[in-house]
Amino acid sequence: MTTTGPQMPPPTPMTPPTDTGAIPPRKSTWPMVLGIIAIILGSLATLRGCMGLGSSAMFGLFASAMPEEQAEMMEATKAFAPLIMISSGLTMAIAIFS
């Protein structure tokens, strides 16, 4: 006559296993570092583009608030406003879409 009672688990060994098994290969971290650097540089370029567009659009306000002798110098700077706006817009577009 056989009695089936609760099964006892095998005893746990007192020493750890001596074989280490397969060690997974270490993941490379340089793609993540390059990604973080690209995000930072892209954010700075976007900020530079916004500042360039905003400052060139406000040249008239700056010139009207300046004394007369400095306003003449600001008038010469207004000639470069379209160039500044184009370069700022291109910088911002490249930073956003690349």
N, C-alpha and C. Protein backbone atom coordinates (compact mmCIF):
# COMPACT_ATOMS: atom_id res chain seq x y z
N MET A 1 0.83 -1.15 0.00
CA MET A 1 0.00 0.00 0.00
C MET A 1 0.90 1.24 0.00
N THR A 2 0.63 2.11 -0.95
CA THR A 2 1.43 3.33 -1.08
C THR A 2 0.58 4.53 -0.68
N THR A 3 1.16 5.35 0.10
CA THR A 3 0.45 6.58 0.48
C THR A 3 1.07 7.75 -0.27
N THR A 4 0.26 8.54 -0.82
CA THR A 4 0.76 9.75 -1.49
C THR A 4 0.47 10.93 -0.59
N GLY A 5 1.50 11.43 -0.08
CA GLY A 5 1.39 12.59 0.78
C GLY A 5 2.03 13.80 0.11
N PRO A 6 2.22 14.82 0.85
CA PRO A 6 2.84 16.01 0.26
C PRO A 6 4.27 15.70 -0.19
N GLN A 7 4.60 16.16 -1.38
CA GLN A 7 5.94 15.95 -1.92
C GLN A 7 6.89 16.96 -1.30
N MET A 8 8.03 16.54 -0.89
CA MET A 8 9.04 17.42 -0.31
C MET A 8 9.98 17.87 -1.43
N PRO A 9 10.29 19.16 -1.51
CA PRO A 9 11.22 19.62 -2.54
C PRO A 9 12.62 19.10 -2.23
N PRO A 10 13.47 19.01 -3.27
CA PRO A 10 14.83 18.55 -3.00
C PRO A 10 15.55 19.56 -2.12
N PRO A 11 16.47 19.13 -1.32
CA PRO A 11 17.17 20.06 -0.44
C PRO A 11 18.01 21.05 -1.24
N THR A 12 18.06 22.28 -0.77
CA THR A 12 18.86 23.30 -1.45
C THR A 12 20.33 23.09 -1.14
N PRO A 13 21.20 23.30 -2.13
CA PRO A 13 22.63 23.10 -1.87
C PRO A 13 23.14 24.20 -0.93
N MET A 14 24.15 23.87 -0.18
CA MET A 14 24.72 24.81 0.79
C MET A 14 25.75 25.72 0.15
N THR A 15 26.26 25.38 -1.01
CA THR A 15 27.26 26.20 -1.68
C THR A 15 26.68 26.72 -2.99
N PRO A 16 27.13 27.89 -3.43
CA PRO A 16 26.63 28.41 -4.70
C PRO A 16 27.20 27.60 -5.87
N PRO A 17 26.57 27.71 -7.03
CA PRO A 17 27.09 26.97 -8.18
C PRO A 17 28.46 27.50 -8.58
N THR A 18 29.29 26.62 -9.09
CA THR A 18 30.65 27.02 -9.47
C THR A 18 30.74 27.49 -10.91
N ASP A 19 29.83 27.11 -11.75
CA ASP A 19 29.87 27.60 -13.13
C ASP A 19 29.07 28.89 -13.23
N THR A 20 29.60 29.85 -13.98
CA THR A 20 28.97 31.16 -14.05
C THR A 20 27.87 31.23 -15.11
N GLY A 21 27.89 30.35 -16.04
CA GLY A 21 26.89 30.40 -17.09
C GLY A 21 27.26 31.42 -18.15
N ALA A 22 26.37 31.65 -19.04
CA ALA A 22 26.63 32.59 -20.13
C ALA A 22 26.44 34.02 -19.65
N ILE A 23 27.44 34.84 -19.88
CA ILE A 23 27.37 36.26 -19.52
C ILE A 23 26.91 37.00 -20.77
N PRO A 24 25.82 37.78 -20.66
CA PRO A 24 25.35 38.50 -21.85
C PRO A 24 26.36 39.57 -22.26
N PRO A 25 26.49 39.82 -23.55
CA PRO A 25 27.44 40.84 -24.00
C PRO A 25 27.01 42.23 -23.53
N ARG A 26 27.99 43.05 -23.24
CA ARG A 26 27.72 44.39 -22.74
C ARG A 26 27.22 45.27 -23.89
N LYS A 27 26.17 46.01 -23.62
CA LYS A 27 25.60 46.89 -24.65
C LYS A 27 26.50 48.11 -24.83
N SER A 28 26.58 48.57 -26.06
CA SER A 28 27.36 49.76 -26.36
C SER A 28 26.57 51.00 -25.95
N THR A 29 27.25 51.97 -25.36
CA THR A 29 26.56 53.18 -24.89
C THR A 29 26.81 54.39 -25.78
N TRP A 30 27.69 54.29 -26.78
CA TRP A 30 27.99 55.47 -27.57
C TRP A 30 26.82 55.95 -28.41
N PRO A 31 25.90 55.12 -28.89
CA PRO A 31 24.76 55.68 -29.63
C PRO A 31 23.88 56.57 -28.75
N MET A 32 23.72 56.20 -27.49
CA MET A 32 22.90 57.01 -26.59
C MET A 32 23.59 58.35 -26.32
N VAL A 33 24.91 58.33 -26.14
CA VAL A 33 25.65 59.57 -25.89
C VAL A 33 25.54 60.49 -27.09
N LEU A 34 25.71 59.95 -28.30
CA LEU A 34 25.57 60.78 -29.50
C LEU A 34 24.16 61.33 -29.65
N GLY A 35 23.18 60.54 -29.28
CA GLY A 35 21.79 61.01 -29.35
C GLY A 35 21.53 62.16 -28.41
N ILE A 36 22.06 62.08 -27.20
CA ILE A 36 21.87 63.15 -26.23
C ILE A 36 22.57 64.42 -26.70
N ILE A 37 23.79 64.28 -27.23
CA ILE A 37 24.50 65.45 -27.75
C ILE A 37 23.73 66.07 -28.92
N ALA A 38 23.18 65.25 -29.80
CA ALA A 38 22.40 65.76 -30.94
C ALA A 38 21.15 66.49 -30.48
N ILE A 39 20.49 65.98 -29.45
CA ILE A 39 19.30 66.65 -28.92
C ILE A 39 19.66 68.01 -28.34
N ILE A 40 20.76 68.07 -27.59
CA ILE A 40 21.19 69.34 -26.99
C ILE A 40 21.55 70.35 -28.07
N LEU A 41 22.35 69.93 -29.06
CA LEU A 41 22.73 70.87 -30.13
C LEU A 41 21.53 71.29 -30.97
N GLY A 42 20.61 70.38 -31.22
CA GLY A 42 19.40 70.74 -31.96
C GLY A 42 18.54 71.73 -31.20
N SER A 43 18.45 71.56 -29.89
CA SER A 43 17.68 72.50 -29.07
C SER A 43 18.32 73.89 -29.07
N LEU A 44 19.65 73.92 -28.97
CA LEU A 44 20.34 75.21 -29.01
C LEU A 44 20.18 75.89 -30.36
N ALA A 45 20.24 75.13 -31.45
CA ALA A 45 20.07 75.71 -32.77
C ALA A 45 18.64 76.23 -32.96
N THR A 46 17.66 75.52 -32.44
CA THR A 46 16.28 75.98 -32.52
C THR A 46 16.10 77.27 -31.72
N LEU A 47 16.69 77.32 -30.54
CA LEU A 47 16.62 78.54 -29.73
C LEU A 47 17.31 79.70 -30.43
N ARG A 48 18.45 79.44 -31.06
CA ARG A 48 19.16 80.50 -31.79
C ARG A 48 18.32 81.00 -32.95
N GLY A 49 17.64 80.11 -33.65
CA GLY A 49 16.78 80.52 -34.75
C GLY A 49 15.63 81.38 -34.29
N CYS A 50 15.01 81.01 -33.19
CA CYS A 50 13.91 81.83 -32.63
C CYS A 50 14.40 83.20 -32.21
N MET A 51 15.54 83.23 -31.56
CA MET A 51 16.09 84.52 -31.12
C MET A 51 16.46 85.39 -32.31
N GLY A 52 17.03 84.78 -33.36
CA GLY A 52 17.40 85.54 -34.54
C GLY A 52 16.19 86.12 -35.25
N LEU A 53 15.14 85.30 -35.38
CA LEU A 53 13.92 85.80 -36.02
C LEU A 53 13.28 86.91 -35.19
N GLY A 54 13.26 86.72 -33.88
CA GLY A 54 12.65 87.72 -33.00
C GLY A 54 13.42 89.03 -32.96
N SER A 55 14.75 88.93 -32.89
CA SER A 55 15.53 90.16 -32.79
C SER A 55 15.53 90.95 -34.09
N SER A 56 15.57 90.26 -35.22
CA SER A 56 15.55 90.99 -36.49
C SER A 56 14.19 91.62 -36.73
N ALA A 57 13.14 91.03 -36.22
CA ALA A 57 11.81 91.61 -36.36
C ALA A 57 11.63 92.83 -35.46
N MET A 58 12.43 92.92 -34.42
CA MET A 58 12.28 94.03 -33.46
C MET A 58 13.30 95.15 -33.67
N PHE A 59 14.03 95.15 -34.79
CA PHE A 59 15.01 96.20 -35.04
C PHE A 59 14.37 97.59 -35.00
N GLY A 60 13.17 97.72 -35.55
CA GLY A 60 12.50 99.03 -35.56
C GLY A 60 12.19 99.54 -34.16
N LEU A 61 11.77 98.64 -33.28
CA LEU A 61 11.49 99.05 -31.90
C LEU A 61 12.76 99.49 -31.18
N PHE A 62 13.85 98.75 -31.44
CA PHE A 62 15.11 99.11 -30.79
C PHE A 62 15.61 100.47 -31.29
N ALA A 63 15.49 100.71 -32.58
CA ALA A 63 15.98 101.96 -33.15
C ALA A 63 15.18 103.15 -32.64
N SER A 64 13.89 103.00 -32.45
CA SER A 64 13.09 104.14 -31.99
C SER A 64 13.35 104.47 -30.52
N ALA A 65 13.85 103.54 -29.76
CA ALA A 65 14.11 103.78 -28.33
C ALA A 65 15.52 104.29 -28.07
N MET A 66 16.36 104.39 -29.09
CA MET A 66 17.76 104.80 -28.90
C MET A 66 17.93 106.29 -29.13
N PRO A 67 19.00 106.83 -28.56
CA PRO A 67 19.33 108.24 -28.87
C PRO A 67 19.64 108.39 -30.37
N GLU A 68 19.59 109.62 -30.84
CA GLU A 68 19.70 109.89 -32.28
C GLU A 68 21.00 109.37 -32.89
N GLU A 69 22.14 109.60 -32.22
CA GLU A 69 23.42 109.18 -32.81
C GLU A 69 23.56 107.65 -32.87
N GLN A 70 22.96 106.96 -31.94
CA GLN A 70 23.02 105.51 -31.97
C GLN A 70 21.95 104.94 -32.92
N ALA A 71 20.88 105.67 -33.13
CA ALA A 71 19.82 105.21 -34.03
C ALA A 71 20.34 105.15 -35.47
N GLU A 72 21.28 106.06 -35.83
CA GLU A 72 21.85 106.02 -37.18
C GLU A 72 22.61 104.71 -37.39
N MET A 73 23.30 104.28 -36.37
CA MET A 73 24.03 103.02 -36.47
C MET A 73 23.06 101.84 -36.59
N MET A 74 21.96 101.94 -35.90
CA MET A 74 20.95 100.88 -35.97
C MET A 74 20.30 100.83 -37.35
N GLU A 75 20.18 101.97 -38.00
CA GLU A 75 19.62 102.00 -39.35
C GLU A 75 20.52 101.22 -40.31
N ALA A 76 21.84 101.31 -40.11
CA ALA A 76 22.74 100.55 -40.96
C ALA A 76 22.58 99.05 -40.72
N THR A 77 22.26 98.68 -39.50
CA THR A 77 22.07 97.27 -39.16
C THR A 77 20.77 96.74 -39.76
N LYS A 78 19.78 97.61 -39.96
CA LYS A 78 18.51 97.17 -40.54
C LYS A 78 18.68 96.60 -41.94
N ALA A 79 19.75 97.02 -42.64
CA ALA A 79 19.98 96.50 -43.98
C ALA A 79 20.24 95.00 -43.96
N PHE A 80 20.76 94.49 -42.84
CA PHE A 80 21.08 93.06 -42.73
C PHE A 80 19.93 92.25 -42.13
N ALA A 81 18.82 92.89 -41.82
CA ALA A 81 17.70 92.18 -41.19
C ALA A 81 17.18 91.03 -42.05
N PRO A 82 17.00 91.20 -43.37
CA PRO A 82 16.53 90.05 -44.16
C PRO A 82 17.52 88.88 -44.15
N LEU A 83 18.80 89.18 -44.22
CA LEU A 83 19.81 88.13 -44.18
C LEU A 83 19.78 87.39 -42.84
N ILE A 84 19.62 88.14 -41.77
CA ILE A 84 19.55 87.52 -40.44
C ILE A 84 18.30 86.65 -40.32
N MET A 85 17.19 87.14 -40.85
CA MET A 85 15.96 86.35 -40.78
C MET A 85 16.06 85.07 -41.60
N ILE A 86 16.66 85.15 -42.77
CA ILE A 86 16.81 83.95 -43.61
C ILE A 86 17.73 82.94 -42.95
N SER A 87 18.88 83.40 -42.45
CA SER A 87 19.81 82.45 -41.82
C SER A 87 19.23 81.87 -40.54
N SER A 88 18.50 82.67 -39.78
CA SER A 88 17.87 82.15 -38.56
C SER A 88 16.78 81.15 -38.89
N GLY A 89 15.99 81.43 -39.91
CA GLY A 89 14.94 80.50 -40.31
C GLY A 89 15.51 79.19 -40.83
N LEU A 90 16.60 79.27 -41.62
CA LEU A 90 17.23 78.04 -42.10
C LEU A 90 17.84 77.23 -40.96
N THR A 91 18.49 77.92 -40.03
CA THR A 91 19.06 77.23 -38.88
C THR A 91 17.99 76.51 -38.09
N MET A 92 16.89 77.18 -37.87
CA MET A 92 15.81 76.58 -37.09
C MET A 92 15.17 75.40 -37.86
N ALA A 93 14.99 75.55 -39.17
CA ALA A 93 14.41 74.47 -39.95
C ALA A 93 15.33 73.24 -39.99
N ILE A 94 16.62 73.47 -40.13
CA ILE A 94 17.55 72.35 -40.14
C ILE A 94 17.57 71.65 -38.78
N ALA A 95 17.52 72.44 -37.71
CA ALA A 95 17.54 71.85 -36.36
C ALA A 95 16.27 71.04 -36.08
N ILE A 96 15.15 71.51 -36.58
CA ILE A 96 13.88 70.82 -36.30
C ILE A 96 13.72 69.58 -37.17
N PHE A 97 14.03 69.68 -38.45
CA PHE A 97 13.72 68.61 -39.39
C PHE A 97 14.85 67.62 -39.63
N SER A 98 15.96 67.78 -38.93
CA SER A 98 17.04 66.80 -39.14
C SER A 98 17.27 65.97 -37.91
